[in-house]
PDB file of N, CA and C in Angstrom:
ATOM      1  N   UNK A   1       2.328  -1.858   1.727  1.00  0.00           N
ATOM      2  CA  UNK A   1       2.150  -3.274   1.808  1.00  0.00           C
ATOM      3  C   UNK A   1       2.539  -3.875   0.468  1.00  0.00           C
ATOM      4  N   UNK A   2       3.097  -5.076   0.496  1.00  0.00           N
ATOM      5  CA  UNK A   2       3.361  -5.752  -0.769  1.00  0.00           C
ATOM      6  C   UNK A   2       2.206  -6.696  -1.098  1.00  0.00           C
ATOM      7  N   UNK A   3       2.092  -7.032  -2.370  1.00  0.00           N
ATOM      8  CA  UNK A   3       0.993  -7.875  -2.822  1.00  0.00           C
ATOM      9  C   UNK A   3       0.951  -9.211  -2.085  1.00  0.00           C
ATOM     10  N   UNK A   4       2.070  -9.679  -1.608  1.00  0.00           N
ATOM     11  CA  UNK A   4       2.120 -10.947  -0.903  1.00  0.00           C
ATOM     12  C   UNK A   4       1.490 -10.922   0.475  1.00  0.00           C
ATOM     13  N   UNK A   5       1.225  -9.727   1.008  1.00  0.00           N
ATOM     14  CA  UNK A   5       0.733  -9.621   2.378  1.00  0.00           C
ATOM     15  C   UNK A   5      -0.565  -8.819   2.507  1.00  0.00           C
ATOM     16  N   UNK A   6      -1.214  -8.545   1.405  1.00  0.00           N
ATOM     17  CA  UNK A   6      -2.451  -7.754   1.439  1.00  0.00           C
ATOM     18  C   UNK A   6      -3.523  -8.426   2.295  1.00  0.00           C
ATOM     19  N   UNK A   7      -3.705  -9.739   2.118  1.00  0.00           N
ATOM     20  CA  UNK A   7      -4.729 -10.429   2.914  1.00  0.00           C
ATOM     21  C   UNK A   7      -4.457 -10.287   4.405  1.00  0.00           C
ATOM     22  N   UNK A   8      -3.207 -10.464   4.801  1.00  0.00           N
ATOM     23  CA  UNK A   8      -2.847 -10.337   6.216  1.00  0.00           C
ATOM     24  C   UNK A   8      -3.085  -8.913   6.718  1.00  0.00           C
ATOM     25  N   UNK A   9      -2.768  -7.934   5.912  1.00  0.00           N
ATOM     26  CA  UNK A   9      -2.980  -6.540   6.309  1.00  0.00           C
ATOM     27  C   UNK A   9      -4.463  -6.227   6.462  1.00  0.00           C
ATOM     28  N   UNK A  10      -5.282  -6.757   5.564  1.00  0.00           N
ATOM     29  CA  UNK A  10      -6.728  -6.538   5.658  1.00  0.00           C
ATOM     30  C   UNK A  10      -7.307  -7.206   6.905  1.00  0.00           C
ATOM     31  N   UNK A  11      -6.833  -8.396   7.225  1.00  0.00           N
ATOM     32  CA  UNK A  11      -7.272  -9.089   8.440  1.00  0.00           C
ATOM     33  C   UNK A  11      -6.865  -8.286   9.672  1.00  0.00           C
ATOM     34  N   UNK A  12      -5.644  -7.787   9.694  1.00  0.00           N
ATOM     35  CA  UNK A  12      -5.171  -7.000  10.830  1.00  0.00           C
ATOM     36  C   UNK A  12      -5.977  -5.714  10.976  1.00  0.00           C
ATOM     37  N   UNK A  13      -6.280  -5.075   9.868  1.00  0.00           N
ATOM     38  CA  UNK A  13      -7.079  -3.847   9.919  1.00  0.00           C
ATOM     39  C   UNK A  13      -8.455  -4.141  10.522  1.00  0.00           C
ATOM     40  N   UNK A  14      -9.073  -5.223  10.069  1.00  0.00           N
ATOM     41  CA  UNK A  14     -10.386  -5.599  10.631  1.00  0.00           C
ATOM     42  C   UNK A  14     -10.277  -5.893  12.119  1.00  0.00           C
ATOM     43  N   UNK A  15      -9.235  -6.608  12.519  1.00  0.00           N
ATOM     44  CA  UNK A  15      -9.036  -6.949  13.928  1.00  0.00           C
ATOM     45  C   UNK A  15      -8.849  -5.695  14.788  1.00  0.00           C
ATOM     46  N   UNK A  16      -8.326  -4.643  14.191  1.00  0.00           N
ATOM     47  CA  UNK A  16      -8.116  -3.383  14.907  1.00  0.00           C
ATOM     48  C   UNK A  16      -9.310  -2.444  14.780  1.00  0.00           C
ATOM     49  N   UNK A  17     -10.398  -2.940  14.191  1.00  0.00           N
ATOM     50  CA  UNK A  17     -11.595  -2.127  14.045  1.00  0.00           C
ATOM     51  C   UNK A  17     -11.549  -1.162  12.878  1.00  0.00           C
ATOM     52  N   UNK A  18     -10.690  -1.436  11.917  1.00  0.00           N
ATOM     53  CA  UNK A  18     -10.527  -0.534  10.779  1.00  0.00           C
ATOM     54  C   UNK A  18     -10.833  -1.239   9.462  1.00  0.00           C
ATOM     55  N   UNK A  19     -11.926  -1.991   9.430  1.00  0.00           N
ATOM     56  CA  UNK A  19     -12.307  -2.685   8.200  1.00  0.00           C
ATOM     57  C   UNK A  19     -12.399  -1.674   7.062  1.00  0.00           C
ATOM     58  N   UNK A  20     -11.874  -2.038   5.913  1.00  0.00           N
ATOM     59  CA  UNK A  20     -11.902  -1.141   4.768  1.00  0.00           C
ATOM     60  C   UNK A  20     -10.765  -0.132   4.750  1.00  0.00           C
ATOM     61  N   UNK A  21      -9.829  -0.246   5.715  1.00  0.00           N
ATOM     62  CA  UNK A  21      -8.681   0.665   5.747  1.00  0.00           C
ATOM     63  C   UNK A  21      -7.926   0.560   4.422  1.00  0.00           C
ATOM     64  N   UNK A  22      -7.606   1.693   3.853  1.00  0.00           N
ATOM     65  CA  UNK A  22      -6.928   1.719   2.555  1.00  0.00           C
ATOM     66  C   UNK A  22      -5.443   1.965   2.749  1.00  0.00           C
ATOM     67  N   UNK A  23      -4.642   1.276   1.962  1.00  0.00           N
ATOM     68  CA  UNK A  23      -3.195   1.437   2.040  1.00  0.00           C
ATOM     69  C   UNK A  23      -2.587   1.210   0.660  1.00  0.00           C
ATOM     70  N   UNK A  24      -1.397   1.710   0.487  1.00  0.00           N
ATOM     71  CA  UNK A  24      -0.685   1.531  -0.778  1.00  0.00           C
ATOM     72  C   UNK A  24      -0.207   0.086  -0.882  1.00  0.00           C
ATOM     73  N   UNK A  25      -0.244  -0.450  -2.092  1.00  0.00           N
ATOM     74  CA  UNK A  25       0.184  -1.823  -2.333  1.00  0.00           C
ATOM     75  C   UNK A  25       1.199  -1.829  -3.473  1.00  0.00           C
ATOM     76  N   UNK A  26       2.362  -2.411  -3.191  1.00  0.00           N
ATOM     77  CA  UNK A  26       3.392  -2.545  -4.220  1.00  0.00           C
ATOM     78  C   UNK A  26       3.655  -4.019  -4.490  1.00  0.00           C
ATOM     79  N   UNK A  27       4.328  -4.291  -5.587  1.00  0.00           N
ATOM     80  CA  UNK A  27       4.637  -5.667  -5.978  1.00  0.00           C
ATOM     81  C   UNK A  27       5.554  -6.341  -4.956  1.00  0.00           C
ATOM     82  N   UNK A  28       5.342  -7.621  -4.804  1.00  0.00           N
ATOM     83  CA  UNK A  28       6.139  -8.465  -3.928  1.00  0.00           C
ATOM     84  C   UNK A  28       7.045  -9.301  -4.818  1.00  0.00           C
ATOM     85  N   UNK A  29       8.239  -9.599  -4.457  1.00  0.00           N
ATOM     86  CA  UNK A  29       8.917  -9.287  -3.200  1.00  0.00           C
ATOM     87  C   UNK A  29       9.721  -7.993  -3.293  1.00  0.00           C
ATOM     88  N   UNK A  30      10.207  -7.566  -2.151  1.00  0.00           N
ATOM     89  CA  UNK A  30      11.059  -6.380  -2.095  1.00  0.00           C
ATOM     90  C   UNK A  30      12.522  -6.795  -1.912  1.00  0.00           C
ATOM     91  N   UNK A  31      12.759  -7.777  -1.069  1.00  0.00           N
ATOM     92  CA  UNK A  31      14.129  -8.162  -0.713  1.00  0.00           C
ATOM     93  C   UNK A  31      14.992  -8.536  -1.914  1.00  0.00           C
ATOM     94  N   UNK A  32      14.424  -9.184  -2.904  1.00  0.00           N
ATOM     95  CA  UNK A  32      15.215  -9.622  -4.051  1.00  0.00           C
ATOM     96  C   UNK A  32      15.047  -8.715  -5.277  1.00  0.00           C
ATOM     97  N   UNK A  33      14.372  -7.596  -5.105  1.00  0.00           N
ATOM     98  CA  UNK A  33      14.139  -6.680  -6.231  1.00  0.00           C
ATOM     99  C   UNK A  33      15.431  -5.955  -6.609  1.00  0.00           C
ATOM    100  N   UNK A  34      15.550  -5.649  -7.887  1.00  0.00           N
ATOM    101  CA  UNK A  34      16.694  -4.873  -8.358  1.00  0.00           C
ATOM    102  C   UNK A  34      16.497  -3.404  -7.970  1.00  0.00           C
ATOM    103  N   UNK A  35      17.536  -2.623  -8.122  1.00  0.00           N
ATOM    104  CA  UNK A  35      17.429  -1.192  -7.832  1.00  0.00           C
ATOM    105  C   UNK A  35      16.328  -0.544  -8.675  1.00  0.00           C
ATOM    106  N   UNK A  36      16.271  -0.905  -9.949  1.00  0.00           N
ATOM    107  CA  UNK A  36      15.250  -0.343 -10.829  1.00  0.00           C
ATOM    108  C   UNK A  36      13.852  -0.758 -10.375  1.00  0.00           C
ATOM    109  N   UNK A  37      13.678  -2.008 -10.005  1.00  0.00           N
ATOM    110  CA  UNK A  37      12.378  -2.474  -9.511  1.00  0.00           C
ATOM    111  C   UNK A  37      11.990  -1.749  -8.221  1.00  0.00           C
ATOM    112  N   UNK A  38      12.963  -1.519  -7.356  1.00  0.00           N
ATOM    113  CA  UNK A  38      12.684  -0.787  -6.112  1.00  0.00           C
ATOM    114  C   UNK A  38      12.279   0.654  -6.407  1.00  0.00           C
ATOM    115  N   UNK A  39      12.941   1.278  -7.374  1.00  0.00           N
ATOM    116  CA  UNK A  39      12.555   2.639  -7.767  1.00  0.00           C
ATOM    117  C   UNK A  39      11.114   2.654  -8.279  1.00  0.00           C
ATOM    118  N   UNK A  40      10.780   1.697  -9.126  1.00  0.00           N
ATOM    119  CA  UNK A  40       9.414   1.617  -9.657  1.00  0.00           C
ATOM    120  C   UNK A  40       8.400   1.415  -8.533  1.00  0.00           C
ATOM    121  N   UNK A  41       8.732   0.571  -7.573  1.00  0.00           N
ATOM    122  CA  UNK A  41       7.825   0.319  -6.455  1.00  0.00           C
ATOM    123  C   UNK A  41       7.699   1.547  -5.565  1.00  0.00           C
ATOM    124  N   UNK A  42       8.803   2.262  -5.398  1.00  0.00           N
ATOM    125  CA  UNK A  42       8.755   3.486  -4.589  1.00  0.00           C
ATOM    126  C   UNK A  42       7.854   4.527  -5.248  1.00  0.00           C
ATOM    127  N   UNK A  43       7.983   4.689  -6.548  1.00  0.00           N
ATOM    128  CA  UNK A  43       7.122   5.632  -7.274  1.00  0.00           C
ATOM    129  C   UNK A  43       5.658   5.212  -7.146  1.00  0.00           C
ATOM    130  N   UNK A  44       5.396   3.926  -7.282  1.00  0.00           N
ATOM    131  CA  UNK A  44       4.024   3.424  -7.152  1.00  0.00           C
ATOM    132  C   UNK A  44       3.481   3.690  -5.750  1.00  0.00           C
ATOM    133  N   UNK A  45       4.297   3.453  -4.721  1.00  0.00           N
ATOM    134  CA  UNK A  45       3.854   3.671  -3.341  1.00  0.00           C
ATOM    135  C   UNK A  45       3.559   5.146  -3.082  1.00  0.00           C
ATOM    136  N   UNK A  46       4.430   6.021  -3.547  1.00  0.00           N
ATOM    137  CA  UNK A  46       4.214   7.455  -3.349  1.00  0.00           C
ATOM    138  C   UNK A  46       2.972   7.920  -4.107  1.00  0.00           C
ATOM    139  N   UNK A  47       2.815   7.459  -5.333  1.00  0.00           N
ATOM    140  CA  UNK A  47       1.646   7.831  -6.134  1.00  0.00           C
ATOM    141  C   UNK A  47       0.364   7.380  -5.448  1.00  0.00           C
ATOM    142  N   UNK A  48       0.333   6.133  -5.016  1.00  0.00           N
ATOM    143  CA  UNK A  48      -0.849   5.624  -4.319  1.00  0.00           C
ATOM    144  C   UNK A  48      -1.083   6.365  -3.009  1.00  0.00           C
ATOM    145  N   UNK A  49      -0.007   6.641  -2.283  1.00  0.00           N
ATOM    146  CA  UNK A  49      -0.138   7.368  -1.017  1.00  0.00           C
ATOM    147  C   UNK A  49      -0.724   8.754  -1.224  1.00  0.00           C
ATOM    148  N   UNK A  50      -0.252   9.454  -2.226  1.00  0.00           N
ATOM    149  CA  UNK A  50      -0.797  10.777  -2.529  1.00  0.00           C
ATOM    150  C   UNK A  50      -2.263  10.695  -2.920  1.00  0.00           C
ATOM    151  N   UNK A  51      -2.596   9.687  -3.730  1.00  0.00           N
ATOM    152  CA  UNK A  51      -4.000   9.494  -4.109  1.00  0.00           C
ATOM    153  C   UNK A  51      -4.865   9.254  -2.872  1.00  0.00           C
ATOM    154  N   UNK A  52      -4.384   8.411  -1.962  1.00  0.00           N
ATOM    155  CA  UNK A  52      -5.141   8.142  -0.738  1.00  0.00           C
ATOM    156  C   UNK A  52      -5.312   9.408   0.092  1.00  0.00           C
ATOM    157  N   UNK A  53      -4.264  10.177   0.244  1.00  0.00           N
ATOM    158  CA  UNK A  53      -4.347  11.419   1.025  1.00  0.00           C
ATOM    159  C   UNK A  53      -5.272  12.430   0.374  1.00  0.00           C
ATOM    160  N   UNK A  54      -5.147  12.574  -0.942  1.00  0.00           N
ATOM    161  CA  UNK A  54      -5.983  13.551  -1.639  1.00  0.00           C
ATOM    162  C   UNK A  54      -7.441  13.141  -1.641  1.00  0.00           C
ATOM    163  N   UNK A  55      -7.713  11.841  -1.799  1.00  0.00           N
ATOM    164  CA  UNK A  55      -9.094  11.371  -1.766  1.00  0.00           C
ATOM    165  C   UNK A  55      -9.702  11.598  -0.387  1.00  0.00           C
ATOM    166  N   UNK A  56      -8.924  11.346   0.670  1.00  0.00           N
ATOM    167  CA  UNK A  56      -9.406  11.589   2.023  1.00  0.00           C
ATOM    168  C   UNK A  56      -9.730  13.071   2.205  1.00  0.00           C
ATOM    169  N   UNK A  57      -8.891  13.908   1.656  1.00  0.00           N
ATOM    170  CA  UNK A  57      -9.100  15.346   1.788  1.00  0.00           C
ATOM    171  C   UNK A  57     -10.350  15.778   1.037  1.00  0.00           C
ATOM    172  N   UNK A  58     -10.553  15.225  -0.149  1.00  0.00           N
ATOM    173  CA  UNK A  58     -11.722  15.578  -0.953  1.00  0.00           C
ATOM    174  C   UNK A  58     -13.011  15.012  -0.333  1.00  0.00           C
ATOM    175  N   UNK A  59     -12.892  13.814   0.257  1.00  0.00           N
ATOM    176  CA  UNK A  59     -14.066  13.176   0.865  1.00  0.00           C
ATOM    177  C   UNK A  59     -14.446  13.824   2.182  1.00  0.00           C
ATOM    178  N   UNK A  60     -13.476  14.370   2.894  1.00  0.00           N
ATOM    179  CA  UNK A  60     -13.759  14.856   4.240  1.00  0.00           C
ATOM    180  C   UNK A  60     -13.654  16.317   4.348  1.00  0.00           C
TER     181      UNK A  60
END
């Protein structure tokens, strides 16, 4: 998710019965980002995704 849409994603998660659902968040916007900015956002998304997966594994 990008920072510009976090509120909408949280509302959708609640509407689907998944309040508190965790997801990776990268800087907005994506469409006008440079290649370097996209690389940085991709690294951030992967890092956050791994953290979320590992935390779930440790918690459960």
